[in-house]
Amino acid sequence: MSRLTPFRMVVSCLVCYIVLATVDAQATSAPASEIYTCVDAKGRKLTSDRPIIECNDREQKMLNPSGTVKARIGPSLTAQERLLVEAKAKAEQEERASKEEEKRRDRALINRYPTPAIHQKERADALAQINLVKQAATARAKELQAERVKLTDEMASYAQNPSKAPPKLQRQIDEVTQTLAAQERFLGDQDLELKRIISRFDEELLRLTTLWRIAGSDPVTKVP
């Protein structure tokens, strides 16, 4: 085995020293990639190379090596606090969505009724149509009532001897009575529909009055 000469031993030692000195200098001079700083509950300014536990309840700043603010870290929240924050965020999101939906409805409303005259005409047409249906239903109900009176009078002629009344007559009375009841229910439904139509146009007019004013139309509030 060859042995190192004294000169080579000196050179090797110098090389090792230079390498170790370079590595140590780099480790010493390399700045921390992230610096955290905050002021704790006691008013002390703290600095660390990682998030500071003493400031979990308050904001911390993450700094660049130059000292400029890289990011701000909010306080760590408890489970209850997180639920409150999430609930607040959800409520704000729902409120924004509600406002957007209201704007969408307003746009659709003003596009459909750009002037008071158009809205008033559609209201009149809707009321006229429901009134025609009611008139026809009322006329049919009167016919059924008259028919039932006629059949009832005929049945009354058998009052002294009901067993002689034709079964068909009683069936006719029952059928007319049932049909009349259905007709009266239909009329009741039409009354509700009439109220719904009036309420709808009243609500639309209330909102449209503002929209027309913004758009520059002259709102007309007279309605039938």
Protein backbone atom coordinates (compact mmCIF):
# COMPACT_ATOMS: atom_id res chain seq x y z
CA MET A 1 0.00 0.00 0.00
CA SER A 2 1.38 3.39 -0.94
CA ARG A 3 1.78 5.95 1.75
CA LEU A 4 0.97 9.66 1.45
CA THR A 5 3.95 11.91 1.45
CA PRO A 6 3.98 14.77 3.96
CA PHE A 7 3.28 17.24 1.16
CA ARG A 8 0.21 15.33 -0.05
CA MET A 9 -1.07 15.04 3.53
CA VAL A 10 -0.84 18.80 3.94
CA VAL A 11 -2.68 19.41 0.64
CA SER A 12 -5.48 16.98 1.57
CA CYS A 13 -5.98 18.64 4.94
CA LEU A 14 -6.16 22.06 3.29
CA VAL A 15 -8.79 20.85 0.81
CA CYS A 16 -10.94 19.36 3.60
CA TYR A 17 -10.67 22.57 5.61
CA ILE A 18 -11.73 24.72 2.66
CA VAL A 19 -14.76 22.49 1.90
CA LEU A 20 -15.92 22.46 5.53
CA ALA A 21 -15.45 26.20 5.86
CA THR A 22 -17.49 26.82 2.68
CA VAL A 23 -20.37 24.60 3.83
CA ASP A 24 -20.42 26.22 7.26
CA ALA A 25 -20.40 29.71 5.76
CA GLN A 26 -23.32 28.86 3.46
CA ALA A 27 -25.34 27.40 6.35
CA THR A 28 -24.61 30.45 8.49
CA SER A 29 -25.33 33.04 5.80
CA ALA A 30 -28.47 31.39 4.28
CA PRO A 31 -31.47 33.43 5.47
CA ALA A 32 -34.65 31.77 6.67
CA SER A 33 -37.12 31.39 3.82
CA GLU A 34 -40.03 32.53 6.01
CA ILE A 35 -40.08 34.80 9.06
CA TYR A 36 -43.13 35.07 11.32
CA THR A 37 -43.73 38.04 13.58
CA CYS A 38 -46.54 39.19 15.86
CA VAL A 39 -47.35 41.03 19.07
CA ASP A 40 -48.64 38.69 21.76
CA ALA A 41 -51.28 39.32 24.42
CA LYS A 42 -48.62 40.80 26.72
CA GLY A 43 -47.51 43.33 24.13
CA ARG A 44 -44.27 41.54 23.28
CA LYS A 45 -43.08 41.52 19.68
CA LEU A 46 -42.17 37.93 18.81
CA THR A 47 -40.29 36.59 15.78
CA SER A 48 -39.76 33.03 14.64
CA ASP A 49 -39.07 30.90 11.59
CA ARG A 50 -42.39 29.11 12.07
CA PRO A 51 -45.95 30.09 13.14
CA ILE A 52 -45.86 31.46 16.68
CA ILE A 53 -47.97 29.51 19.18
CA GLU A 54 -48.33 32.49 21.53
CA CYS A 55 -50.12 34.38 18.72
CA ASN A 56 -52.58 31.69 17.66
CA ASP A 57 -55.39 33.99 18.85
CA ARG A 58 -54.31 36.96 16.73
CA GLU A 59 -52.93 37.91 13.34
CA GLN A 60 -49.36 37.00 12.43
CA LYS A 61 -47.28 38.44 9.60
CA MET A 62 -45.16 36.27 7.33
CA LEU A 63 -42.19 38.30 6.14
CA ASN A 64 -39.82 37.95 3.23
CA PRO A 65 -36.09 37.87 3.98
CA SER A 66 -36.06 41.57 3.01
CA GLY A 67 -38.57 42.34 5.76
CA THR A 68 -41.54 43.07 3.50
CA VAL A 69 -44.88 41.42 4.31
CA LYS A 70 -45.38 38.23 2.33
CA ALA A 71 -48.71 37.21 3.85
CA ARG A 72 -50.98 37.72 6.82
CA ILE A 73 -52.16 34.73 8.80
CA GLY A 74 -55.45 35.04 10.66
CA PRO A 75 -55.94 33.77 14.20
CA SER A 76 -56.57 30.07 14.72
CA LEU A 77 -60.24 29.56 15.52
CA THR A 78 -61.96 27.15 17.84
CA ALA A 79 -64.53 24.75 16.42
CA GLN A 80 -67.35 27.00 17.65
CA GLU A 81 -65.72 30.09 16.18
CA ARG A 82 -65.25 28.34 12.84
CA LEU A 83 -68.94 27.42 12.81
CA LEU A 84 -69.86 31.05 13.45
CA VAL A 85 -67.55 32.26 10.68
CA GLU A 86 -68.91 29.68 8.25
CA ALA A 87 -72.51 30.57 9.18
CA LYS A 88 -71.78 34.26 8.61
CA ALA A 89 -70.14 33.53 5.26
CA LYS A 90 -73.11 31.39 4.23
CA ALA A 91 -75.58 34.10 5.24
CA GLU A 92 -73.63 36.70 3.26
CA GLN A 93 -73.53 34.40 0.23
CA GLU A 94 -77.28 33.80 0.46
CA GLU A 95 -77.89 37.54 0.76
CA ARG A 96 -75.79 38.20 -2.35
CA ALA A 97 -77.65 35.45 -4.21
CA SER A 98 -80.97 36.91 -3.08
CA LYS A 99 -80.02 40.36 -4.35
CA GLU A 100 -78.90 38.92 -7.67
CA GLU A 101 -82.18 37.03 -7.97
CA GLU A 102 -84.11 40.22 -7.17
CA LYS A 103 -82.20 42.06 -9.90
CA ARG A 104 -82.94 39.24 -12.34
CA ARG A 105 -86.69 39.40 -11.51
CA ASP A 106 -86.66 43.18 -11.90
CA ARG A 107 -85.04 42.91 -15.34
CA ALA A 108 -87.57 40.30 -16.43
CA LEU A 109 -90.44 42.42 -15.06
CA ILE A 110 -89.42 45.65 -16.76
CA ASN A 111 -88.73 43.79 -20.02
CA ARG A 112 -92.21 42.27 -19.94
CA TYR A 113 -93.94 45.51 -18.92
CA PRO A 114 -91.84 48.41 -20.25
CA THR A 115 -94.76 50.84 -19.85
CA PRO A 116 -97.70 51.17 -17.43
CA ALA A 117 -100.18 50.78 -20.30
CA ILE A 118 -98.91 47.30 -21.16
CA HIS A 119 -99.19 46.15 -17.55
CA GLN A 120 -102.66 47.64 -17.16
CA LYS A 121 -103.87 45.93 -20.36
CA GLU A 122 -102.59 42.50 -19.31
CA ARG A 123 -104.24 42.95 -15.92
CA ALA A 124 -107.56 43.82 -17.57
CA ASP A 125 -107.27 40.85 -19.95
CA ALA A 126 -106.53 38.42 -17.11
CA LEU A 127 -109.47 39.68 -15.04
CA ALA A 128 -111.80 39.55 -18.05
CA GLN A 129 -110.83 35.95 -18.76
CA ILE A 130 -111.41 34.77 -15.19
CA ASN A 131 -114.72 36.61 -15.08
CA LEU A 132 -115.88 34.86 -18.27
CA VAL A 133 -115.07 31.51 -16.70
CA LYS A 134 -116.97 32.48 -13.57
CA GLN A 135 -119.97 33.61 -15.58
CA ALA A 136 -120.13 30.30 -17.45
CA ALA A 137 -119.73 28.32 -14.22
CA THR A 138 -122.41 30.40 -12.48
CA ALA A 139 -124.83 29.86 -15.37
CA ARG A 140 -124.22 26.10 -15.23
CA ALA A 141 -124.76 26.09 -11.47
CA LYS A 142 -128.14 27.83 -11.93
CA GLU A 143 -129.15 25.22 -14.53
CA LEU A 144 -128.29 22.43 -12.11
CA GLN A 145 -130.19 24.11 -9.30
CA ALA A 146 -133.28 24.42 -11.52
CA GLU A 147 -132.96 20.79 -12.58
CA ARG A 148 -132.66 19.65 -8.97
CA VAL A 149 -135.79 21.64 -8.00
CA LYS A 150 -137.70 19.99 -10.86
CA LEU A 151 -136.58 16.50 -9.81
CA THR A 152 -137.26 17.20 -6.14
CA ASP A 153 -140.77 18.38 -6.95
CA GLU A 154 -141.34 15.23 -8.94
CA MET A 155 -140.11 13.13 -6.02
CA ALA A 156 -142.45 15.04 -3.71
CA SER A 157 -145.41 13.65 -5.65
CA TYR A 158 -144.53 10.26 -4.21
CA ALA A 159 -144.48 11.54 -0.65
CA GLN A 160 -147.62 9.56 0.27
CA ASN A 161 -146.15 6.37 -1.12
CA PRO A 162 -142.32 6.64 -1.47
CA SER A 163 -142.00 2.97 -2.48
CA LYS A 164 -143.61 3.79 -5.81
CA ALA A 165 -140.95 6.42 -6.69
CA PRO A 166 -138.90 5.25 -9.68
CA PRO A 167 -135.29 4.35 -8.66
CA LYS A 168 -134.08 6.27 -11.69
CA LEU A 169 -135.54 9.49 -10.26
CA GLN A 170 -133.59 9.17 -7.05
CA ARG A 171 -130.40 8.44 -9.00
CA GLN A 172 -130.98 11.58 -11.07
CA ILE A 173 -131.43 13.66 -7.93
CA ASP A 174 -128.18 12.26 -6.47
CA GLU A 175 -126.26 12.86 -9.69
CA VAL A 176 -127.49 16.44 -10.03
CA THR A 177 -126.71 17.13 -6.36
CA GLN A 178 -123.15 15.82 -6.75
CA THR A 179 -122.60 17.75 -9.98
CA LEU A 180 -123.90 20.94 -8.38
CA ALA A 181 -121.55 20.50 -5.41
CA ALA A 182 -118.60 20.08 -7.79
CA GLN A 183 -119.66 23.17 -9.70
CA GLU A 184 -119.83 25.20 -6.50
CA ARG A 185 -116.34 24.02 -5.53
CA PHE A 186 -115.12 25.08 -8.97
CA LEU A 187 -116.66 28.53 -8.47
CA GLY A 188 -114.90 28.78 -5.10
CA ASP A 189 -111.59 27.94 -6.77
CA GLN A 190 -112.20 30.64 -9.37
CA ASP A 191 -112.82 33.18 -6.62
CA LEU A 192 -109.44 32.26 -5.12
CA GLU A 193 -107.81 32.51 -8.53
CA LEU A 194 -109.34 35.96 -9.02
CA LYS A 195 -107.89 37.13 -5.69
CA ARG A 196 -104.50 35.65 -6.64
CA ILE A 197 -104.50 37.51 -9.98
CA ILE A 198 -105.42 40.81 -8.34
CA SER A 199 -102.74 40.33 -5.67
CA ARG A 200 -100.11 39.47 -8.29
CA PHE A 201 -100.78 42.54 -10.40
CA ASP A 202 -100.93 44.77 -7.31
CA GLU A 203 -97.51 43.53 -6.17
CA GLU A 204 -96.07 43.92 -9.66
CA LEU A 205 -97.45 47.44 -9.94
CA LEU A 206 -95.87 48.40 -6.62
CA ARG A 207 -92.45 47.29 -7.84
CA LEU A 208 -92.91 48.50 -11.41
CA THR A 209 -93.79 52.00 -10.26
CA THR A 210 -90.23 52.33 -8.94
CA LEU A 211 -88.68 50.65 -11.99
CA TRP A 212 -90.63 52.84 -14.41
CA ARG A 213 -89.54 55.94 -12.52
CA ILE A 214 -85.91 54.86 -12.77
CA ALA A 215 -86.36 54.07 -16.46
CA GLY A 216 -88.04 57.42 -17.10
CA SER A 217 -91.58 56.17 -17.77
CA ASP A 218 -94.57 58.01 -16.34
CA PRO A 219 -96.22 55.48 -14.00
CA VAL A 220 -99.99 55.20 -14.13
CA THR A 221 -101.45 53.73 -10.95
CA LYS A 222 -105.11 53.54 -11.96
CA VAL A 223 -106.13 49.92 -12.36
CA PRO A 224 -109.53 48.27 -12.80
